[in-house]
Amino acid sequence: MKQLLTIFSSIFLFYACSTEEVRPEAEQTLGQAGPLNNKKCGTTKLSEQRISEDPDFFQKRANYDAFIANRILEASQESAKASPIITVPVIVHILYNKEADKFSKQFVRTQIGVLNNAFKGTNGDISKVPEKFVKSLAGDTRIRFDLRRIIYKATDVEAFSINDFSEADIRNPNKGGSAPIDPVHKLNIWVANLDGFAGAAFKPEHNVAPEQDGIMMNRMFFGLFESDTNPLNLGRTLVHEAGHYLGLRHLWGDDALGPTGCRTDDGVGDTPNSSRGHTGVPVFPVVTCGSEDMFMNYMDFTDDKALLMFTKGQTKRMRAAFDFETRKNIGIFSN
């Protein structure tokens, strides 16, 4: 952003694989949570918790930003050869209350396919990006997600909290959850009924222990499925949370404090500043901070069909995260 120094080879190819999972219409809202997209991302809640737990959080956050800025600068001065492919091994935990809630292995693979297409920039609707932002398109981030294992775990917990693990813990088998697998070297993704959020991810700057790290997904918004009532049905909530897991923030900036007008941003030079998140399917242009908002960016809150892109600057920030302490053992580098 201006203050700082500086997407599914066709999605429709996957529908045939995903339609075996039919979601009851009653499951397709967040009920008491209010407007569905207002509760889309719980990562802000995790940041708030880290602030309450760690009095040095903001200093550590500033140190993280300085580290990333320096690493991006170093990368710009390195060889002009193509950046290596970075592969993230993935473990998916499916926690279910009844047999009918178990997603098939093909359904899970389809969701990971959506994730990879977004990070490759090969989503079939990428052409919908406004001309204003075409030059900012990331193209291929050269980050891949490799599904290594799917774990199925029956649970009596009706809904897990994303931040209160006193009684139920999505990561603790003694509290209804599923234990992480090799969290130092693998991204663990838990899919279950979540209390009030579509998804949440621990970011590198949160500096949590490996066994706590990972992504939590509400089963109602995981995967690719047809729906007339659920606007988060194209698998892009996981794309959003994966962006957080690799260090991206919401476009309006300091997500630990909530939207703060135009005074903060996300630390990325090619994502225009905006004062808030957007919902639904906005019509371009939308202006909140004197320039057109990039509401079609994966790190906004619009409906899945309106989320289309990462930028080159976001790609640099995500790739730099693999050199940071909490992510340096996750990626496998190859040419």
Protein backbone atom coordinates (compact mmCIF):
# COMPACT_ATOMS: atom_id res chain seq x y z
CA MET A 1 0.00 0.00 0.00
CA LYS A 2 0.88 3.63 -0.55
CA GLN A 3 1.90 4.10 3.04
CA LEU A 4 4.69 1.57 2.83
CA LEU A 5 8.02 1.40 1.11
CA THR A 6 7.18 0.36 -1.42
CA ILE A 7 -6.75 -18.42 -9.26
CA PHE A 8 -8.96 -22.70 -10.33
CA SER A 9 -7.81 -23.91 -13.82
CA SER A 10 -11.45 -23.72 -14.42
CA ILE A 11 -13.36 -24.09 -11.23
CA PHE A 12 -16.14 -25.78 -13.07
CA LEU A 13 -14.00 -28.80 -13.83
CA PHE A 14 -14.35 -29.76 -10.19
CA TYR A 15 -18.11 -29.62 -9.81
CA ALA A 16 -18.58 -33.15 -11.03
CA CYS A 17 -16.29 -34.39 -8.25
CA SER A 18 -17.87 -32.33 -5.52
CA THR A 19 -21.59 -32.73 -6.00
CA GLU A 20 -21.65 -35.99 -4.05
CA GLU A 21 -21.51 -33.86 -0.91
CA VAL A 22 -24.98 -32.34 -0.47
CA ARG A 23 -25.32 -29.85 2.36
CA PRO A 24 -28.74 -29.57 4.04
CA GLU A 25 -30.08 -26.04 3.52
CA ALA A 26 -30.43 -25.66 7.30
CA GLU A 27 -26.65 -25.90 7.61
CA GLN A 28 -25.90 -23.09 5.23
CA THR A 29 -26.09 -20.09 7.57
CA LEU A 30 -24.32 -19.15 10.77
CA GLY A 31 -27.62 -18.66 12.59
CA GLN A 32 -27.21 -16.27 15.50
CA ALA A 33 -23.93 -14.99 14.09
CA GLY A 34 -25.86 -12.47 11.98
CA PRO A 35 -24.94 -11.61 8.36
CA LEU A 36 -22.87 -14.56 7.23
CA ASN A 37 -19.82 -12.75 5.89
CA ASN A 38 -19.55 -10.54 8.98
CA LYS A 39 -18.31 -13.65 10.76
CA LYS A 40 -16.30 -15.08 7.89
CA CYS A 41 -12.80 -14.92 9.36
CA GLY A 42 -11.83 -15.66 12.95
CA THR A 43 -8.14 -14.81 12.53
CA THR A 44 -8.81 -11.37 14.01
CA LYS A 45 -10.07 -13.11 17.14
CA LEU A 46 -6.85 -15.12 17.35
CA SER A 47 -4.84 -11.91 17.06
CA GLU A 48 -6.85 -10.35 19.86
CA GLN A 49 -6.13 -13.37 22.03
CA ARG A 50 -2.40 -13.18 21.31
CA ILE A 51 -2.46 -9.51 22.35
CA SER A 52 -4.04 -10.44 25.67
CA GLU A 53 -1.57 -13.29 26.23
CA ASP A 54 1.65 -11.59 25.15
CA PRO A 55 2.46 -8.03 26.32
CA ASP A 56 5.23 -7.90 23.71
CA PHE A 57 2.93 -8.83 20.82
CA PHE A 58 3.11 -5.49 19.01
CA GLN A 59 6.91 -5.33 19.28
CA LYS A 60 7.16 -8.88 17.94
CA ARG A 61 4.75 -7.95 15.18
CA ALA A 62 6.92 -4.96 14.24
CA ASN A 63 9.99 -7.22 14.28
CA TYR A 64 8.17 -9.63 11.96
CA ASP A 65 7.31 -6.84 9.54
CA ALA A 66 10.93 -5.67 9.53
CA PHE A 67 12.14 -9.22 8.90
CA ILE A 68 9.74 -9.69 5.99
CA ALA A 69 10.62 -6.31 4.45
CA ASN A 70 14.32 -7.14 4.65
CA ARG A 71 13.82 -10.61 3.18
CA ILE A 72 11.79 -9.19 0.28
CA LEU A 73 14.57 -6.69 -0.39
CA GLU A 74 17.19 -9.45 -0.33
CA ALA A 75 15.12 -11.58 -2.69
CA SER A 76 14.85 -8.70 -5.16
CA GLN A 77 18.66 -8.55 -5.31
CA GLU A 78 19.14 -12.26 -5.87
CA SER A 79 19.40 -14.13 -9.15
CA ALA A 80 16.78 -13.37 -11.80
CA LYS A 81 16.17 -17.11 -12.19
CA ALA A 82 12.62 -18.32 -11.60
CA SER A 83 11.74 -18.61 -7.94
CA PRO A 84 11.72 -22.19 -6.66
CA ILE A 85 8.48 -24.03 -6.12
CA ILE A 86 7.62 -24.16 -2.41
CA THR A 87 5.48 -27.17 -1.49
CA VAL A 88 3.56 -27.28 1.79
CA PRO A 89 2.65 -30.80 2.99
CA VAL A 90 -0.94 -30.83 4.26
CA ILE A 91 -2.77 -32.97 6.80
CA VAL A 92 -6.58 -32.59 6.87
CA HIS A 93 -8.50 -33.64 9.99
CA ILE A 94 -12.23 -34.23 9.44
CA LEU A 95 -14.10 -34.15 12.76
CA TYR A 96 -17.69 -35.34 12.49
CA ASN A 97 -20.67 -35.95 14.76
CA LYS A 98 -22.35 -38.53 12.55
CA GLU A 99 -21.37 -40.68 9.59
CA ALA A 100 -23.32 -38.48 7.17
CA ASP A 101 -21.00 -35.59 8.04
CA LYS A 102 -17.86 -37.36 6.79
CA PHE A 103 -16.58 -35.74 3.62
CA SER A 104 -15.28 -38.13 1.00
CA LYS A 105 -11.59 -38.18 0.17
CA GLN A 106 -12.40 -36.90 -3.31
CA PHE A 107 -14.26 -33.94 -1.82
CA VAL A 108 -11.23 -33.05 0.31
CA ARG A 109 -8.92 -33.40 -2.70
CA THR A 110 -11.18 -31.07 -4.66
CA GLN A 111 -10.86 -28.41 -1.95
CA ILE A 112 -7.06 -28.69 -2.07
CA GLY A 113 -7.33 -28.39 -5.85
CA VAL A 114 -9.21 -25.10 -5.42
CA LEU A 115 -6.48 -23.93 -3.07
CA ASN A 116 -3.73 -24.78 -5.54
CA ASN A 117 -5.52 -23.16 -8.48
CA ALA A 118 -5.86 -19.94 -6.49
CA PHE A 119 -2.15 -19.94 -5.66
CA LYS A 120 -1.26 -20.78 -9.27
CA GLY A 121 -3.54 -18.04 -10.59
CA THR A 122 -5.33 -20.56 -12.81
CA ASN A 123 -8.86 -20.14 -11.49
CA GLY A 124 -11.26 -20.05 -14.42
CA ASP A 125 -12.75 -16.68 -13.46
CA ILE A 126 -9.47 -14.77 -13.24
CA SER A 127 -10.48 -12.81 -16.36
CA LYS A 128 -13.07 -10.97 -14.22
CA VAL A 129 -10.33 -8.97 -12.47
CA PRO A 130 -10.87 -5.30 -13.37
CA GLU A 131 -8.42 -3.86 -15.88
CA LYS A 132 -7.26 -1.44 -13.17
CA PHE A 133 -5.65 -4.33 -11.26
CA VAL A 134 -4.44 -6.63 -14.04
CA LYS A 135 -0.84 -5.39 -13.70
CA SER A 136 -0.90 -6.31 -10.00
CA LEU A 137 -1.98 -9.91 -10.60
CA ALA A 138 0.33 -12.41 -8.94
CA GLY A 139 0.03 -15.02 -11.64
CA ASP A 140 1.71 -18.14 -10.23
CA THR A 141 2.88 -17.66 -6.64
CA ARG A 142 4.86 -20.91 -7.05
CA ILE A 143 3.45 -22.09 -3.73
CA ARG A 144 1.82 -25.53 -3.75
CA PHE A 145 -0.18 -27.53 -1.21
CA ASP A 146 0.36 -31.30 -1.20
CA LEU A 147 -2.35 -33.34 0.54
CA ARG A 148 -0.46 -36.05 2.42
CA ARG A 149 -3.14 -37.53 4.66
CA ILE A 150 -6.82 -37.28 5.63
CA ILE A 151 -7.72 -38.19 9.21
CA TYR A 152 -11.32 -38.95 10.18
CA LYS A 153 -12.27 -38.52 13.84
CA ALA A 154 -15.72 -38.95 15.40
CA THR A 155 -16.43 -36.38 18.10
CA ASP A 156 -19.20 -35.56 20.57
CA VAL A 157 -18.37 -31.85 20.45
CA GLU A 158 -21.18 -30.08 18.62
CA ALA A 159 -19.20 -26.90 17.90
CA PHE A 160 -15.57 -26.02 18.65
CA SER A 161 -14.43 -22.57 19.73
CA ILE A 162 -11.48 -21.14 17.80
CA ASN A 163 -9.87 -19.66 20.91
CA ASP A 164 -11.37 -21.14 24.10
CA PHE A 165 -9.90 -24.60 24.54
CA SER A 166 -10.77 -25.06 28.22
CA GLU A 167 -13.48 -27.68 27.63
CA ALA A 168 -13.18 -28.66 23.97
CA ASP A 169 -10.02 -28.43 21.87
CA ILE A 170 -10.05 -29.15 18.16
CA ARG A 171 -6.39 -30.24 18.44
CA ASN A 172 -6.65 -32.39 21.57
CA PRO A 173 -8.02 -35.95 21.28
CA ASN A 174 -8.81 -35.89 25.02
CA LYS A 175 -11.11 -32.90 24.45
CA GLY A 176 -12.94 -34.15 21.38
CA GLY A 177 -10.34 -33.09 18.83
CA SER A 178 -7.65 -34.65 16.67
CA ALA A 179 -3.93 -34.42 17.46
CA PRO A 180 -1.75 -32.58 14.92
CA ILE A 181 0.59 -34.64 12.77
CA ASP A 182 4.22 -33.43 12.58
CA PRO A 183 3.19 -29.75 12.93
CA VAL A 184 6.79 -28.55 12.59
CA HIS A 185 6.93 -29.77 9.00
CA LYS A 186 3.27 -29.97 7.94
CA LEU A 187 0.27 -27.67 7.75
CA ASN A 188 -2.56 -29.20 9.77
CA ILE A 189 -6.09 -28.19 8.78
CA TRP A 190 -8.99 -29.08 11.06
CA VAL A 191 -12.49 -29.23 9.57
CA ALA A 192 -15.36 -29.28 12.06
CA ASN A 193 -18.37 -27.34 13.25
CA LEU A 194 -16.97 -24.02 14.50
CA ASP A 195 -18.73 -21.66 16.85
CA GLY A 196 -19.52 -18.50 14.87
CA PHE A 197 -16.77 -18.39 12.25
CA ALA A 198 -16.18 -19.78 8.78
CA GLY A 199 -12.46 -20.24 9.37
CA ALA A 200 -9.41 -19.04 11.30
CA ALA A 201 -5.64 -19.36 10.95
CA PHE A 202 -2.63 -18.71 13.13
CA LYS A 203 -0.24 -16.35 11.35
CA PRO A 204 3.58 -16.51 11.47
CA GLU A 205 3.65 -13.37 13.63
CA HIS A 206 1.42 -15.04 16.25
CA ASN A 207 4.46 -17.08 17.32
CA VAL A 208 2.43 -19.98 18.70
CA ALA A 209 3.81 -23.42 19.48
CA PRO A 210 3.83 -25.87 16.56
CA GLU A 211 1.20 -28.09 18.17
CA GLN A 212 -1.15 -25.09 18.31
CA ASP A 213 -0.42 -23.84 14.80
CA GLY A 214 -2.52 -24.42 11.71
CA ILE A 215 -5.91 -23.61 10.17
CA MET A 216 -9.39 -24.29 11.54
CA MET A 217 -12.26 -24.53 9.04
CA ASN A 218 -16.00 -24.60 9.58
CA ARG A 219 -17.29 -27.66 7.75
CA MET A 220 -20.18 -25.58 6.33
CA PHE A 221 -17.70 -23.56 4.25
CA PHE A 222 -15.13 -26.21 3.36
CA GLY A 223 -15.00 -27.55 -0.16
CA LEU A 224 -16.66 -26.88 -3.49
CA PHE A 225 -20.40 -27.46 -3.62
CA GLU A 226 -23.55 -26.12 -5.23
CA SER A 227 -25.77 -23.88 -3.11
CA ASP A 228 -28.37 -21.20 -3.66
CA THR A 229 -28.06 -19.90 -0.10
CA ASN A 230 -24.41 -20.23 0.93
CA PRO A 231 -22.18 -17.58 -0.71
CA LEU A 232 -19.00 -19.27 0.58
CA ASN A 233 -19.42 -22.43 -1.48
CA LEU A 234 -16.46 -22.30 -3.89
CA GLY A 235 -13.71 -23.32 -1.49
CA ARG A 236 -12.19 -19.86 -1.21
CA THR A 237 -12.53 -19.49 2.56
CA LEU A 238 -9.58 -21.87 2.84
CA VAL A 239 -7.67 -19.76 0.31
CA HIS A 240 -8.26 -16.71 2.53
CA GLU A 241 -7.12 -18.54 5.66
CA ALA A 242 -4.07 -19.99 3.87
CA GLY A 243 -3.14 -16.40 3.02
CA HIS A 244 -3.24 -15.58 6.74
CA TYR A 245 -1.24 -18.71 7.58
CA LEU A 246 1.48 -17.40 5.25
CA GLY A 247 1.49 -13.92 6.74
CA LEU A 248 -1.10 -11.90 4.82
CA ARG A 249 -3.43 -9.49 6.58
CA HIS A 250 -6.82 -8.17 5.66
CA LEU A 251 -6.53 -5.37 3.13
CA TRP A 252 -7.68 -2.70 5.60
CA GLY A 253 -4.70 -3.30 7.81
CA ASP A 254 -4.32 -3.99 11.49
CA ASP A 255 -6.72 -6.87 11.89
CA ALA A 256 -5.84 -7.14 15.58
CA LEU A 257 -7.64 -3.85 16.18
CA GLY A 258 -10.38 -4.09 13.57
CA PRO A 259 -10.97 -1.64 10.74
CA THR A 260 -9.41 1.72 11.55
CA GLY A 261 -10.55 3.89 8.69
CA CYS A 262 -7.74 4.67 6.25
CA ARG A 263 -5.02 4.98 8.89
CA THR A 264 -3.67 1.42 8.57
CA ASP A 265 -3.04 -0.97 5.73
CA ASP A 266 -1.82 -4.51 5.13
CA GLY A 267 1.85 -3.77 4.49
CA VAL A 268 1.64 -4.64 0.79
CA GLY A 269 2.46 -1.97 -1.79
CA ASP A 270 0.16 -3.05 -4.61
CA THR A 271 -3.09 -3.57 -2.66
CA PRO A 272 -4.87 -0.20 -2.51
CA ASN A 273 -5.78 1.04 0.93
CA SER A 274 -9.37 0.49 2.02
CA SER A 275 -11.19 1.38 5.21
CA ARG A 276 -13.06 -1.90 5.72
CA GLY A 277 -13.94 -5.30 4.37
CA HIS A 278 -16.63 -5.78 1.76
CA THR A 279 -19.46 -8.30 1.65
CA GLY A 280 -21.67 -9.78 -1.04
CA VAL A 281 -20.70 -9.13 -4.67
CA PRO A 282 -19.80 -5.42 -5.01
CA VAL A 283 -19.88 -3.66 -8.36
CA PHE A 284 -16.56 -2.11 -9.35
CA PRO A 285 -15.53 0.57 -8.57
CA VAL A 286 -15.94 0.95 -4.82
CA VAL A 287 -13.91 3.77 -3.24
CA THR A 288 -13.29 4.13 0.52
CA CYS A 289 -9.80 5.71 0.84
CA GLY A 290 -9.56 7.85 -2.27
CA SER A 291 -8.81 4.98 -4.65
CA GLU A 292 -10.61 1.95 -6.00
CA ASP A 293 -10.81 -0.88 -3.46
CA MET A 294 -9.51 -4.32 -4.45
CA PHE A 295 -12.55 -6.13 -3.08
CA MET A 296 -11.91 -9.09 -5.40
CA ASN A 297 -8.70 -9.91 -3.51
CA TYR A 298 -8.72 -13.20 -1.60
CA MET A 299 -7.98 -11.30 1.63
CA ASP A 300 -11.27 -9.40 1.53
CA PHE A 301 -14.67 -10.64 2.80
CA THR A 302 -16.71 -10.71 -0.41
CA ASP A 303 -18.64 -13.79 -1.54
CA ASP A 304 -16.58 -16.62 -2.98
CA LYS A 305 -17.63 -15.86 -6.55
CA ALA A 306 -16.24 -12.33 -6.16
CA LEU A 307 -12.82 -13.44 -4.80
CA LEU A 308 -10.39 -13.78 -7.67
CA MET A 309 -6.78 -12.84 -6.99
CA PHE A 310 -3.58 -12.38 -5.04
CA THR A 311 -1.13 -9.65 -6.04
CA LYS A 312 2.59 -9.70 -6.81
CA GLY A 313 3.26 -7.89 -3.53
CA GLN A 314 1.25 -10.43 -1.55
CA THR A 315 3.19 -13.21 -3.23
CA LYS A 316 6.48 -11.69 -2.11
CA ARG A 317 5.21 -11.40 1.45
CA MET A 318 3.96 -15.00 1.56
CA ARG A 319 7.16 -16.42 0.09
CA ALA A 320 9.27 -14.40 2.52
CA ALA A 321 7.32 -15.95 5.41
CA PHE A 322 8.98 -19.31 4.67
CA ASP A 323 12.24 -17.85 6.01
CA PHE A 324 10.66 -16.83 9.33
CA GLU A 325 11.09 -18.97 12.43
CA THR A 326 7.52 -20.28 12.60
CA ARG A 327 7.37 -21.26 8.91
CA LYS A 328 10.94 -22.09 7.94
CA ASN A 329 10.46 -25.88 8.29
CA ILE A 330 7.10 -26.07 6.52
CA GLY A 331 8.09 -25.49 2.90
CA ILE A 332 9.87 -27.95 0.62
CA PHE A 333 11.87 -26.07 -2.04
CA SER A 334 12.38 -27.41 -5.57
CA ASN A 335 13.09 -26.05 -9.04
